[in-house]
N, C-alpha and C. Protein backbone atom coordinates (compact mmCIF):
# COMPACT_ATOMS: atom_id res chain seq x y z
N UNK A 1 -43.06 13.35 9.26
CA UNK A 1 -43.47 12.32 8.30
C UNK A 1 -42.71 11.03 8.59
N UNK A 2 -43.43 9.91 8.55
CA UNK A 2 -42.82 8.61 8.79
C UNK A 2 -41.85 8.28 7.65
N UNK A 3 -40.65 7.89 8.00
CA UNK A 3 -39.65 7.45 7.03
C UNK A 3 -39.63 5.92 6.97
N UNK A 4 -39.31 5.39 5.77
CA UNK A 4 -39.32 3.95 5.57
C UNK A 4 -37.93 3.47 5.15
N UNK A 5 -37.54 2.32 5.66
CA UNK A 5 -36.26 1.72 5.29
C UNK A 5 -36.48 0.26 4.95
N UNK A 6 -36.23 -0.09 3.69
CA UNK A 6 -36.38 -1.47 3.26
C UNK A 6 -35.06 -2.23 3.44
N UNK A 7 -35.19 -3.54 3.64
CA UNK A 7 -34.02 -4.41 3.74
C UNK A 7 -34.42 -5.83 3.36
N UNK A 8 -33.43 -6.67 3.19
CA UNK A 8 -33.69 -8.08 2.91
C UNK A 8 -33.46 -8.51 1.48
N UNK A 9 -33.18 -7.56 0.60
CA UNK A 9 -32.91 -7.92 -0.78
C UNK A 9 -31.56 -8.59 -0.93
N UNK A 10 -31.30 -9.06 -2.14
CA UNK A 10 -30.01 -9.70 -2.39
C UNK A 10 -30.02 -10.52 -3.65
N UNK A 11 -29.00 -11.37 -3.79
CA UNK A 11 -28.85 -12.25 -4.94
C UNK A 11 -29.49 -13.60 -4.60
N UNK A 12 -30.44 -14.02 -5.42
CA UNK A 12 -31.21 -15.22 -5.12
C UNK A 12 -31.26 -16.14 -6.33
N UNK A 13 -31.13 -17.40 -6.11
CA UNK A 13 -31.22 -18.36 -7.19
C UNK A 13 -32.66 -18.52 -7.65
N UNK A 14 -32.85 -18.76 -8.93
CA UNK A 14 -34.20 -18.99 -9.46
C UNK A 14 -34.89 -20.07 -8.64
N UNK A 15 -36.13 -19.80 -8.30
CA UNK A 15 -36.89 -20.74 -7.48
C UNK A 15 -36.73 -20.54 -5.99
N UNK A 16 -35.85 -19.61 -5.61
CA UNK A 16 -35.58 -19.37 -4.21
C UNK A 16 -36.59 -18.45 -3.54
N UNK A 17 -36.29 -18.09 -2.30
CA UNK A 17 -37.19 -17.26 -1.50
C UNK A 17 -36.42 -16.14 -0.82
N UNK A 18 -37.16 -15.10 -0.51
CA UNK A 18 -36.62 -13.96 0.22
C UNK A 18 -37.70 -13.39 1.10
N UNK A 19 -37.29 -12.77 2.20
CA UNK A 19 -38.23 -12.02 3.02
C UNK A 19 -37.72 -10.59 3.12
N UNK A 20 -38.52 -9.68 2.57
CA UNK A 20 -38.18 -8.27 2.63
C UNK A 20 -38.86 -7.63 3.83
N UNK A 21 -38.18 -6.65 4.42
CA UNK A 21 -38.73 -5.92 5.55
C UNK A 21 -38.75 -4.43 5.25
N UNK A 22 -39.74 -3.78 5.80
CA UNK A 22 -39.87 -2.32 5.67
C UNK A 22 -40.09 -1.77 7.07
N UNK A 23 -39.07 -1.14 7.61
CA UNK A 23 -39.14 -0.60 8.95
C UNK A 23 -39.49 0.88 8.89
N UNK A 24 -40.50 1.26 9.65
CA UNK A 24 -40.94 2.65 9.68
C UNK A 24 -40.34 3.36 10.90
N UNK A 25 -40.11 4.67 10.73
CA UNK A 25 -39.50 5.45 11.81
C UNK A 25 -40.53 5.84 12.87
N UNK A 26 -41.81 5.63 12.57
CA UNK A 26 -42.86 5.96 13.51
C UNK A 26 -43.99 4.96 13.43
N UNK A 27 -45.08 5.29 14.09
CA UNK A 27 -46.21 4.37 14.13
C UNK A 27 -46.83 4.16 12.76
N UNK A 28 -47.20 2.91 12.50
CA UNK A 28 -47.90 2.61 11.24
C UNK A 28 -49.33 2.17 11.49
N UNK A 29 -49.73 2.06 12.76
CA UNK A 29 -51.08 1.58 13.03
C UNK A 29 -52.13 2.58 12.58
N UNK A 30 -51.72 3.84 12.35
CA UNK A 30 -52.66 4.84 11.85
C UNK A 30 -52.54 5.04 10.34
N UNK A 31 -51.77 4.19 9.68
CA UNK A 31 -51.65 4.22 8.21
C UNK A 31 -52.53 3.11 7.67
N UNK A 32 -53.55 3.50 6.89
CA UNK A 32 -54.54 2.51 6.47
C UNK A 32 -53.93 1.46 5.55
N UNK A 33 -53.34 1.91 4.45
CA UNK A 33 -52.84 0.96 3.46
C UNK A 33 -51.36 1.16 3.24
N UNK A 34 -50.63 0.05 3.31
CA UNK A 34 -49.21 0.06 3.00
C UNK A 34 -48.96 -0.99 1.93
N UNK A 35 -47.92 -0.75 1.14
CA UNK A 35 -47.71 -1.68 0.05
C UNK A 35 -46.27 -1.87 -0.35
N UNK A 36 -46.06 -2.90 -1.15
CA UNK A 36 -44.77 -3.17 -1.76
C UNK A 36 -44.92 -3.00 -3.27
N UNK A 37 -43.87 -2.42 -3.87
CA UNK A 37 -43.86 -2.13 -5.28
C UNK A 37 -42.51 -2.54 -5.85
N UNK A 38 -42.48 -2.82 -7.16
CA UNK A 38 -41.25 -3.22 -7.82
C UNK A 38 -41.00 -2.34 -9.03
N UNK A 39 -39.73 -2.02 -9.25
CA UNK A 39 -39.37 -1.23 -10.42
C UNK A 39 -38.09 -1.77 -11.03
N UNK A 40 -38.10 -1.85 -12.36
CA UNK A 40 -36.89 -2.17 -13.10
C UNK A 40 -36.54 -0.96 -13.95
N UNK A 41 -35.29 -0.75 -14.27
CA UNK A 41 -34.89 0.44 -15.04
C UNK A 41 -35.68 0.56 -16.34
N UNK A 42 -36.20 1.75 -16.58
CA UNK A 42 -36.95 2.00 -17.80
C UNK A 42 -38.43 1.71 -17.71
N UNK A 43 -38.86 1.14 -16.58
CA UNK A 43 -40.27 0.80 -16.39
C UNK A 43 -40.87 1.60 -15.24
N UNK A 44 -42.21 1.66 -15.25
CA UNK A 44 -42.90 2.28 -14.13
C UNK A 44 -42.79 1.39 -12.90
N UNK A 45 -42.96 2.04 -11.74
CA UNK A 45 -43.01 1.30 -10.49
C UNK A 45 -44.36 0.60 -10.43
N UNK A 46 -44.36 -0.71 -10.27
CA UNK A 46 -45.61 -1.46 -10.29
C UNK A 46 -45.93 -2.05 -8.92
N UNK A 47 -47.22 -2.10 -8.67
CA UNK A 47 -47.69 -2.62 -7.38
C UNK A 47 -47.49 -4.13 -7.32
N UNK A 48 -46.99 -4.60 -6.18
CA UNK A 48 -46.83 -6.04 -5.95
C UNK A 48 -47.90 -6.52 -4.98
N UNK A 49 -48.03 -5.83 -3.84
CA UNK A 49 -48.99 -6.25 -2.82
C UNK A 49 -49.34 -5.08 -1.93
N UNK A 50 -50.58 -5.10 -1.44
CA UNK A 50 -51.07 -4.09 -0.50
C UNK A 50 -51.63 -4.78 0.72
N UNK A 51 -51.59 -4.07 1.85
CA UNK A 51 -52.23 -4.57 3.06
C UNK A 51 -52.84 -3.40 3.81
N UNK A 52 -54.08 -3.56 4.25
CA UNK A 52 -54.75 -2.52 5.00
C UNK A 52 -54.51 -2.70 6.50
N UNK A 53 -54.93 -1.69 7.26
CA UNK A 53 -54.76 -1.78 8.71
C UNK A 53 -55.58 -2.92 9.29
N UNK A 54 -56.63 -3.32 8.58
CA UNK A 54 -57.46 -4.42 9.04
C UNK A 54 -56.96 -5.78 8.59
N UNK A 55 -55.86 -5.79 7.83
CA UNK A 55 -55.29 -7.06 7.39
C UNK A 55 -55.75 -7.55 6.04
N UNK A 56 -56.58 -6.76 5.37
CA UNK A 56 -57.00 -7.16 4.02
C UNK A 56 -55.83 -7.01 3.06
N UNK A 57 -55.65 -8.01 2.20
CA UNK A 57 -54.51 -8.00 1.29
C UNK A 57 -54.95 -8.04 -0.17
N UNK A 58 -54.14 -7.44 -1.02
CA UNK A 58 -54.36 -7.45 -2.46
C UNK A 58 -53.02 -7.75 -3.12
N UNK A 59 -53.05 -8.66 -4.11
CA UNK A 59 -51.81 -9.03 -4.80
C UNK A 59 -51.95 -8.81 -6.30
N UNK A 60 -50.84 -8.48 -6.93
CA UNK A 60 -50.85 -8.39 -8.39
C UNK A 60 -51.04 -9.80 -8.96
N UNK A 61 -51.57 -9.88 -10.15
CA UNK A 61 -51.88 -11.18 -10.74
C UNK A 61 -50.65 -12.06 -10.85
N UNK A 62 -49.51 -11.51 -11.23
CA UNK A 62 -48.33 -12.35 -11.44
C UNK A 62 -47.64 -12.74 -10.14
N UNK A 63 -48.11 -12.21 -9.00
CA UNK A 63 -47.51 -12.57 -7.71
C UNK A 63 -48.44 -13.42 -6.85
N UNK A 64 -49.68 -13.57 -7.25
CA UNK A 64 -50.62 -14.36 -6.46
C UNK A 64 -50.10 -15.77 -6.27
N UNK A 65 -50.11 -16.23 -5.03
CA UNK A 65 -49.64 -17.57 -4.72
C UNK A 65 -48.14 -17.66 -4.52
N UNK A 66 -47.43 -16.58 -4.84
CA UNK A 66 -45.97 -16.60 -4.71
C UNK A 66 -45.45 -15.61 -3.69
N UNK A 67 -46.32 -14.78 -3.13
CA UNK A 67 -45.85 -13.85 -2.12
C UNK A 67 -46.92 -13.62 -1.07
N UNK A 68 -46.46 -13.18 0.10
CA UNK A 68 -47.36 -12.88 1.20
C UNK A 68 -46.91 -11.58 1.84
N UNK A 69 -47.84 -10.63 1.94
CA UNK A 69 -47.56 -9.37 2.63
C UNK A 69 -48.15 -9.45 4.02
N UNK A 70 -47.44 -8.89 4.99
CA UNK A 70 -47.93 -8.87 6.37
C UNK A 70 -47.41 -7.60 7.04
N UNK A 71 -48.04 -7.26 8.13
CA UNK A 71 -47.60 -6.09 8.88
C UNK A 71 -47.64 -6.38 10.36
N UNK A 72 -46.67 -5.85 11.07
CA UNK A 72 -46.61 -5.96 12.53
C UNK A 72 -46.63 -4.53 13.06
N UNK A 73 -47.80 -4.08 13.46
CA UNK A 73 -47.94 -2.69 13.91
C UNK A 73 -47.14 -2.43 15.19
N UNK A 74 -46.98 -3.44 16.01
CA UNK A 74 -46.20 -3.26 17.24
C UNK A 74 -44.73 -2.98 16.95
N UNK A 75 -44.24 -3.53 15.82
CA UNK A 75 -42.85 -3.32 15.42
C UNK A 75 -42.72 -2.27 14.34
N UNK A 76 -43.86 -1.69 13.94
CA UNK A 76 -43.86 -0.68 12.88
C UNK A 76 -43.14 -1.19 11.63
N UNK A 77 -43.45 -2.42 11.25
CA UNK A 77 -42.76 -3.06 10.14
C UNK A 77 -43.76 -3.79 9.24
N UNK A 78 -43.48 -3.71 7.95
CA UNK A 78 -44.25 -4.44 6.95
C UNK A 78 -43.30 -5.42 6.26
N UNK A 79 -43.80 -6.61 5.99
CA UNK A 79 -42.96 -7.66 5.40
C UNK A 79 -43.52 -8.10 4.05
N UNK A 80 -42.63 -8.63 3.23
CA UNK A 80 -43.04 -9.25 1.98
C UNK A 80 -42.24 -10.53 1.82
N UNK A 81 -42.94 -11.65 1.94
CA UNK A 81 -42.33 -12.97 1.74
C UNK A 81 -42.47 -13.33 0.27
N UNK A 82 -41.36 -13.56 -0.40
CA UNK A 82 -41.35 -13.91 -1.82
C UNK A 82 -40.88 -15.36 -1.97
N UNK A 83 -41.66 -16.16 -2.71
CA UNK A 83 -41.34 -17.56 -2.91
C UNK A 83 -41.31 -17.91 -4.39
N UNK A 84 -40.62 -18.99 -4.71
CA UNK A 84 -40.57 -19.48 -6.09
C UNK A 84 -40.27 -18.35 -7.07
N UNK A 85 -39.19 -17.65 -6.77
CA UNK A 85 -38.85 -16.47 -7.55
C UNK A 85 -38.40 -16.84 -8.96
N UNK A 86 -38.77 -16.01 -9.93
CA UNK A 86 -38.32 -16.21 -11.30
C UNK A 86 -37.62 -14.95 -11.81
N UNK A 87 -37.08 -15.03 -13.01
CA UNK A 87 -36.25 -13.94 -13.54
C UNK A 87 -37.01 -12.61 -13.60
N UNK A 88 -38.31 -12.69 -13.85
CA UNK A 88 -39.11 -11.46 -13.97
C UNK A 88 -39.29 -10.76 -12.62
N UNK A 89 -38.92 -11.40 -11.54
CA UNK A 89 -39.05 -10.79 -10.22
C UNK A 89 -37.86 -9.91 -9.88
N UNK A 90 -36.85 -9.91 -10.72
CA UNK A 90 -35.70 -9.02 -10.50
C UNK A 90 -36.14 -7.56 -10.53
N UNK A 91 -35.60 -6.77 -9.62
CA UNK A 91 -35.92 -5.36 -9.59
C UNK A 91 -35.63 -4.76 -8.23
N UNK A 92 -35.91 -3.47 -8.12
CA UNK A 92 -35.81 -2.80 -6.83
C UNK A 92 -37.19 -2.77 -6.19
N UNK A 93 -37.26 -3.25 -4.99
CA UNK A 93 -38.53 -3.33 -4.26
C UNK A 93 -38.63 -2.16 -3.28
N UNK A 94 -39.75 -1.46 -3.38
CA UNK A 94 -40.00 -0.30 -2.54
C UNK A 94 -41.22 -0.54 -1.67
N UNK A 95 -41.13 -0.02 -0.47
CA UNK A 95 -42.27 0.02 0.43
C UNK A 95 -42.84 1.43 0.36
N UNK A 96 -44.15 1.56 0.44
CA UNK A 96 -44.72 2.89 0.36
C UNK A 96 -46.14 2.96 0.87
N UNK A 97 -46.59 4.19 1.12
CA UNK A 97 -47.98 4.42 1.50
C UNK A 97 -48.41 5.79 1.01
N UNK A 98 -49.70 5.93 0.71
CA UNK A 98 -50.20 7.23 0.24
C UNK A 98 -50.27 8.22 1.39
N UNK A 99 -49.95 9.47 1.10
CA UNK A 99 -49.99 10.53 2.09
C UNK A 99 -50.24 11.85 1.38
N UNK A 100 -50.13 12.94 2.10
CA UNK A 100 -50.26 14.26 1.48
C UNK A 100 -49.08 15.11 1.93
N UNK A 101 -48.65 15.96 1.04
CA UNK A 101 -47.60 16.92 1.34
C UNK A 101 -48.05 18.27 0.82
N UNK A 102 -48.09 19.23 1.71
CA UNK A 102 -48.58 20.58 1.36
C UNK A 102 -49.98 20.48 0.75
N UNK A 103 -50.76 19.54 1.24
CA UNK A 103 -52.13 19.39 0.79
C UNK A 103 -52.30 18.61 -0.49
N UNK A 104 -51.21 18.15 -1.07
CA UNK A 104 -51.28 17.41 -2.33
C UNK A 104 -51.04 15.92 -2.08
N UNK A 105 -51.84 15.05 -2.72
CA UNK A 105 -51.64 13.61 -2.56
C UNK A 105 -50.32 13.17 -3.17
N UNK A 106 -49.63 12.30 -2.48
CA UNK A 106 -48.36 11.79 -2.97
C UNK A 106 -48.10 10.43 -2.31
N UNK A 107 -46.98 9.85 -2.60
CA UNK A 107 -46.59 8.60 -1.98
C UNK A 107 -45.32 8.81 -1.16
N UNK A 108 -45.27 8.20 0.01
CA UNK A 108 -44.06 8.17 0.81
C UNK A 108 -43.33 6.87 0.50
N UNK A 109 -42.08 6.96 0.06
CA UNK A 109 -41.31 5.78 -0.33
C UNK A 109 -40.09 5.61 0.55
N UNK A 110 -39.63 4.36 0.62
CA UNK A 110 -38.31 4.11 1.17
C UNK A 110 -37.28 4.21 0.06
N UNK A 111 -36.04 3.83 0.36
CA UNK A 111 -34.97 3.94 -0.63
C UNK A 111 -34.90 2.71 -1.54
N UNK A 112 -35.62 1.65 -1.17
CA UNK A 112 -35.66 0.45 -1.99
C UNK A 112 -34.60 -0.57 -1.60
N UNK A 113 -34.89 -1.82 -1.96
CA UNK A 113 -33.92 -2.89 -1.75
C UNK A 113 -33.89 -3.73 -3.03
N UNK A 114 -32.69 -4.05 -3.51
CA UNK A 114 -32.52 -4.71 -4.79
C UNK A 114 -32.64 -6.23 -4.66
N UNK A 115 -33.41 -6.81 -5.57
CA UNK A 115 -33.52 -8.26 -5.66
C UNK A 115 -33.05 -8.68 -7.05
N UNK A 116 -32.07 -9.56 -7.09
CA UNK A 116 -31.52 -10.01 -8.36
C UNK A 116 -31.55 -11.53 -8.40
N UNK A 117 -32.13 -12.08 -9.48
CA UNK A 117 -32.23 -13.53 -9.63
C UNK A 117 -31.11 -14.04 -10.53
N UNK A 118 -30.62 -15.25 -10.24
CA UNK A 118 -29.61 -15.88 -11.09
C UNK A 118 -29.95 -17.37 -11.24
N UNK A 119 -29.47 -17.92 -12.33
CA UNK A 119 -29.76 -19.35 -12.59
C UNK A 119 -28.61 -20.24 -12.16
């Protein structure tokens, strides 16, 4: 199973930018849809952006115009460019893709990378 490792998080000033990376341990060109998700303590993990193998992208309403998801299949890496960050963007960002384990649908996640906003 492909393992994922996120990086690029950190402490960012309000209005700032970050580029998150998700490096896969194996090929991702055969993974149709990959995505970025955000979670804050006490809340569900919510979808931020998705990208298909064909390059089609989907963004959550509150992130439209403020983030860009991309993938480099040659580098087995998915990126999330975050711009004009606000306090509500604080959280742990996870990279993931749907898969099956023992025949059951599930999600493969990385360990997450923390993004914290300050004024």
